[in-house]
N, C-alpha and C. Protein backbone atom coordinates (compact mmCIF):
# COMPACT_ATOMS: atom_id res chain seq x y z
N MET A 1 0.83 -1.08 0.10
CA MET A 1 -0.05 0.02 0.22
C MET A 1 0.51 1.28 0.15
N LEU A 2 0.59 2.34 -0.53
CA LEU A 2 1.40 3.46 -0.87
C LEU A 2 1.00 4.31 0.35
N PRO A 3 1.93 5.25 0.75
CA PRO A 3 1.33 6.13 1.61
C PRO A 3 0.62 7.28 1.29
N PRO A 4 -0.25 8.17 2.12
CA PRO A 4 -1.43 8.87 1.82
C PRO A 4 -0.29 10.04 1.19
N TYR A 5 -0.90 10.88 0.33
CA TYR A 5 -0.54 12.17 -0.33
C TYR A 5 -0.74 13.10 1.05
N MET A 6 0.46 14.21 0.87
CA MET A 6 0.78 15.22 2.04
C MET A 6 0.75 16.39 1.41
N ALA A 7 0.64 17.53 2.13
CA ALA A 7 0.89 18.71 1.77
C ALA A 7 2.07 19.31 2.62
N ASN A 8 2.80 20.18 1.94
CA ASN A 8 3.81 20.89 2.42
C ASN A 8 3.52 22.17 2.95
N HIS A 9 4.55 23.02 3.54
CA HIS A 9 4.31 24.13 4.14
C HIS A 9 3.35 25.21 3.27
N ASP A 10 3.29 24.76 2.28
CA ASP A 10 2.64 26.04 1.09
C ASP A 10 1.27 25.66 0.90
N GLU A 11 0.94 24.18 1.61
CA GLU A 11 -0.28 23.65 0.98
C GLU A 11 -0.47 23.06 -0.16
N ALA A 12 0.92 22.84 -0.81
CA ALA A 12 0.79 22.47 -2.09
C ALA A 12 1.38 20.82 -1.80
N LEU A 13 1.20 19.91 -2.94
CA LEU A 13 1.27 18.55 -2.71
C LEU A 13 2.67 18.41 -2.70
N LYS A 14 2.94 17.76 -1.46
CA LYS A 14 4.55 17.37 -1.28
C LYS A 14 5.08 16.50 -1.91
N GLU A 15 6.42 17.40 -2.79
CA GLU A 15 7.15 16.32 -3.70
C GLU A 15 7.85 15.05 -2.86
N TRP A 16 8.12 15.13 -1.69
CA TRP A 16 8.84 14.31 -1.23
C TRP A 16 8.21 13.78 0.22
N LEU A 17 8.28 12.32 0.64
CA LEU A 17 7.53 12.26 2.18
C LEU A 17 8.58 12.10 3.06
N THR A 18 9.79 12.67 2.77
CA THR A 18 10.74 12.84 3.90
C THR A 18 10.92 14.24 4.38
N GLU A 19 11.07 14.61 5.37
CA GLU A 19 11.68 16.03 5.89
C GLU A 19 13.08 16.28 5.33
N ALA A 20 13.77 15.23 4.91
CA ALA A 20 15.21 15.27 4.81
C ALA A 20 15.12 16.18 3.26
N LEU A 21 14.10 16.09 2.42
CA LEU A 21 14.53 16.41 1.31
C LEU A 21 13.16 17.80 0.98
N GLU A 22 13.55 19.09 0.63
CA GLU A 22 12.62 20.12 0.71
C GLU A 22 12.41 20.17 -1.12
N ASP A 23 11.20 20.64 -0.83
CA ASP A 23 10.45 20.59 -2.59
C ASP A 23 11.26 21.64 -3.41
N ASN A 24 11.28 21.29 -4.58
CA ASN A 24 12.06 22.51 -5.48
C ASN A 24 11.10 22.87 -6.56
N TYR A 25 10.52 23.94 -6.61
CA TYR A 25 9.59 24.40 -7.37
C TYR A 25 10.20 24.58 -8.84
N SER A 26 11.57 24.75 -9.17
CA SER A 26 12.12 25.28 -10.57
C SER A 26 12.52 23.61 -11.11
N HIS A 27 12.59 22.52 -10.69
CA HIS A 27 12.89 21.31 -10.91
C HIS A 27 12.08 21.01 -11.74
N ARG A 28 12.52 20.59 -13.21
CA ARG A 28 11.82 20.39 -14.12
C ARG A 28 11.02 18.73 -14.09
N HIS A 29 11.34 17.83 -13.32
CA HIS A 29 10.43 16.88 -12.96
C HIS A 29 9.12 16.81 -12.37
N MET A 30 8.02 16.29 -12.81
CA MET A 30 6.72 16.73 -12.26
C MET A 30 5.98 15.28 -11.82
N LEU A 31 6.89 14.32 -11.55
CA LEU A 31 6.21 12.87 -11.26
C LEU A 31 5.08 13.01 -10.19
N HIS A 32 5.52 13.77 -8.96
CA HIS A 32 4.62 13.80 -8.17
C HIS A 32 3.01 14.35 -8.47
N LEU A 33 2.88 15.08 -9.56
CA LEU A 33 1.79 15.37 -10.13
C LEU A 33 0.85 14.49 -10.87
N HIS A 34 1.35 12.89 -10.79
CA HIS A 34 0.72 12.17 -11.20
C HIS A 34 -0.87 12.21 -10.88
N PRO A 35 -1.43 12.46 -9.80
CA PRO A 35 -2.77 12.35 -9.53
C PRO A 35 -3.55 13.33 -10.19
N LEU A 36 -2.87 14.36 -10.96
CA LEU A 36 -3.47 15.23 -11.63
C LEU A 36 -3.48 15.11 -12.91
N CYS A 37 -2.20 14.47 -13.50
CA CYS A 37 -2.08 14.14 -14.79
C CYS A 37 -0.94 13.44 -15.26
N PRO A 38 -0.91 12.13 -15.50
CA PRO A 38 -1.80 11.51 -16.52
C PRO A 38 -2.98 10.54 -15.62
N GLY A 39 -2.84 10.60 -14.22
CA GLY A 39 -3.74 9.97 -13.27
C GLY A 39 -5.02 10.83 -13.22
N ASP A 40 -6.05 10.39 -12.60
CA ASP A 40 -7.39 11.19 -12.32
C ASP A 40 -7.90 11.14 -10.80
N GLU A 41 -6.85 10.76 -9.74
CA GLU A 41 -7.05 10.83 -8.27
C GLU A 41 -7.39 12.22 -7.86
N ALA A 42 -6.93 13.15 -8.64
CA ALA A 42 -7.29 14.76 -8.26
C ALA A 42 -8.53 15.18 -8.76
N ASP A 43 -9.27 14.40 -9.11
CA ASP A 43 -10.66 14.90 -9.59
C ASP A 43 -11.38 15.88 -8.56
N PRO A 44 -11.68 17.23 -9.14
CA PRO A 44 -12.10 17.88 -8.15
C PRO A 44 -13.49 17.54 -7.30
N ALA A 45 -14.29 16.95 -7.88
CA ALA A 45 -15.53 16.54 -7.47
C ALA A 45 -15.30 15.16 -6.51
N GLU A 46 -14.43 14.61 -6.44
CA GLU A 46 -14.04 13.43 -5.94
C GLU A 46 -13.20 13.60 -4.73
N ASN A 47 -12.20 14.31 -5.00
CA ASN A 47 -11.05 14.68 -4.12
C ASN A 47 -10.80 16.18 -3.93
N PRO A 48 -11.38 16.77 -3.49
CA PRO A 48 -11.00 18.01 -3.57
C PRO A 48 -9.97 18.52 -2.93
N GLU A 49 -9.58 18.07 -2.06
CA GLU A 49 -8.42 18.27 -1.16
C GLU A 49 -7.11 18.00 -1.82
N LEU A 50 -7.15 16.75 -2.47
CA LEU A 50 -5.99 16.67 -3.51
C LEU A 50 -5.79 17.48 -4.51
N ASN A 51 -7.03 17.96 -5.34
CA ASN A 51 -7.11 18.72 -6.24
C ASN A 51 -6.60 19.91 -6.02
N ALA A 52 -6.92 20.53 -4.84
CA ALA A 52 -6.14 21.68 -4.33
C ALA A 52 -4.87 21.81 -4.31
N MET A 53 -4.20 20.54 -3.57
CA MET A 53 -2.81 20.47 -3.49
C MET A 53 -1.79 20.54 -4.46
N THR A 54 -2.48 19.72 -5.77
CA THR A 54 -1.74 19.65 -6.92
C THR A 54 -2.10 20.76 -7.82
N ARG A 55 -3.31 21.38 -7.77
CA ARG A 55 -3.36 22.73 -8.43
C ARG A 55 -2.28 23.58 -7.89
N GLU A 56 -2.21 24.00 -6.57
CA GLU A 56 -1.29 24.68 -5.80
C GLU A 56 0.32 24.64 -6.17
N VAL A 57 0.55 23.15 -6.01
CA VAL A 57 1.99 22.84 -6.68
C VAL A 57 2.12 23.12 -7.99
N PHE A 58 1.02 23.25 -8.95
CA PHE A 58 1.15 23.42 -10.32
C PHE A 58 1.53 24.89 -10.35
N ARG A 59 0.82 25.49 -9.86
CA ARG A 59 0.84 27.01 -9.86
C ARG A 59 2.32 27.50 -9.47
N LYS A 60 2.86 27.07 -8.31
CA LYS A 60 4.04 27.49 -8.02
C LYS A 60 5.13 26.79 -8.91
N ARG A 61 4.86 25.96 -9.56
CA ARG A 61 5.84 25.45 -10.61
C ARG A 61 6.12 26.11 -11.62
N ILE A 62 4.89 26.72 -12.25
CA ILE A 62 4.47 27.40 -13.46
C ILE A 62 5.43 28.75 -13.38
N GLU A 63 5.61 29.29 -12.02
CA GLU A 63 6.12 30.63 -11.67
C GLU A 63 7.41 30.34 -12.15
N HIS A 64 7.90 29.35 -12.12
CA HIS A 64 9.60 28.89 -12.01
C HIS A 64 9.61 28.38 -13.46
N PHE A 65 8.82 28.14 -14.50
CA PHE A 65 8.71 27.52 -15.87
C PHE A 65 9.49 27.87 -16.67
N ASP A 66 10.38 27.17 -17.12
CA ASP A 66 11.43 27.71 -18.29
C ASP A 66 11.42 26.57 -19.28
N PRO A 67 10.82 27.06 -20.46
CA PRO A 67 10.29 25.60 -21.46
C PRO A 67 11.89 25.46 -22.18
N ALA A 68 12.91 26.13 -21.81
CA ALA A 68 14.24 25.69 -22.37
C ALA A 68 14.70 24.44 -21.76
N GLY A 69 14.44 24.29 -20.62
CA GLY A 69 14.98 22.96 -19.71
C GLY A 69 14.35 22.11 -20.00
N TYR A 70 13.42 21.71 -20.93
CA TYR A 70 12.25 20.60 -21.08
C TYR A 70 12.34 20.10 -22.36
N CYS A 71 12.24 18.70 -22.81
CA CYS A 71 12.21 18.10 -23.98
C CYS A 71 10.87 18.33 -24.34
N GLY A 72 10.31 17.42 -25.48
CA GLY A 72 9.13 17.53 -26.00
C GLY A 72 8.09 16.77 -25.01
N PHE A 73 8.67 16.04 -24.57
CA PHE A 73 7.43 15.00 -23.71
C PHE A 73 7.49 15.67 -22.53
N GLY A 74 8.36 16.28 -22.07
CA GLY A 74 8.34 17.25 -20.79
C GLY A 74 7.09 18.56 -21.00
N LEU A 75 7.19 19.32 -22.44
CA LEU A 75 6.51 20.06 -22.40
C LEU A 75 5.09 19.66 -22.61
N TYR A 76 5.05 18.48 -23.33
CA TYR A 76 3.49 17.81 -23.25
C TYR A 76 2.93 17.46 -21.70
N HIS A 77 3.77 17.05 -20.94
CA HIS A 77 3.23 16.75 -19.68
C HIS A 77 2.99 18.15 -18.90
N VAL A 78 3.67 19.05 -19.04
CA VAL A 78 3.40 20.41 -18.23
C VAL A 78 1.79 20.61 -18.96
N ALA A 79 1.79 20.84 -20.09
CA ALA A 79 0.62 21.29 -20.82
C ALA A 79 -0.62 20.64 -20.58
N MET A 80 -0.49 19.21 -20.31
CA MET A 80 -1.83 18.40 -20.04
C MET A 80 -2.02 18.66 -18.51
N ALA A 81 -0.74 18.77 -17.57
CA ALA A 81 -1.28 19.12 -16.18
C ALA A 81 -2.02 20.60 -16.35
N ALA A 82 -1.64 21.37 -16.99
CA ALA A 82 -1.84 22.60 -16.71
C ALA A 82 -3.51 22.72 -17.25
N ALA A 83 -3.75 21.65 -18.47
CA ALA A 83 -5.37 21.77 -18.51
C ALA A 83 -6.08 21.07 -17.73
N ARG A 84 -5.53 20.01 -16.91
CA ARG A 84 -6.41 19.32 -15.97
C ARG A 84 -6.47 20.06 -14.67
N ALA A 85 -5.37 21.04 -14.59
CA ALA A 85 -5.40 22.09 -13.25
C ALA A 85 -6.72 23.11 -13.65
N GLY A 86 -7.05 23.41 -14.69
CA GLY A 86 -7.71 24.40 -15.35
C GLY A 86 -7.26 25.72 -15.61
N TYR A 87 -5.75 25.57 -16.04
CA TYR A 87 -5.02 26.34 -16.58
C TYR A 87 -5.07 26.61 -18.01
N ALA A 88 -6.33 26.91 -18.80
CA ALA A 88 -6.29 26.52 -20.20
C ALA A 88 -5.07 27.44 -20.99
N GLU A 89 -5.25 28.90 -20.58
CA GLU A 89 -4.15 29.72 -21.23
C GLU A 89 -2.71 29.27 -21.12
N THR A 90 -2.29 28.74 -19.74
CA THR A 90 -1.09 28.44 -19.80
C THR A 90 -0.65 27.03 -20.70
N SER A 91 -1.86 26.31 -20.96
CA SER A 91 -1.76 24.90 -21.19
C SER A 91 -1.18 25.39 -22.82
N TRP A 92 -1.96 26.28 -23.43
CA TRP A 92 -1.93 26.92 -24.95
C TRP A 92 -0.63 27.35 -25.21
N GLU A 93 -0.02 28.41 -23.87
CA GLU A 93 1.01 28.82 -24.20
C GLU A 93 2.46 27.75 -24.38
N VAL A 94 1.99 26.74 -23.25
CA VAL A 94 3.25 25.70 -23.71
C VAL A 94 3.21 24.96 -24.78
N VAL A 95 2.34 24.82 -25.56
CA VAL A 95 2.30 24.09 -26.76
C VAL A 95 2.63 24.91 -28.00
N SER A 96 2.17 26.26 -27.79
CA SER A 96 2.41 27.40 -28.86
C SER A 96 3.91 27.79 -29.33
């Protein structure tokens, strides 16, 4: 069984479950956003708390977003996560 999702001090989805590692909003990997995209655990109707945590971590990551640091699949992942989080304009900007 996997441990439950946790929020960090910013109320964003915690990247690491250990206190020994801090979240890094400028790092390009977004594996911990799996419940938002491609997964569906962060559905706002079924799990509003997890949805809020994933939206917050995505919002904070997009503040540090530099498309030059991403490959094609990474940009696709950002665009799909943005769309799932409800940030349609950001999603379009990433793929344009």
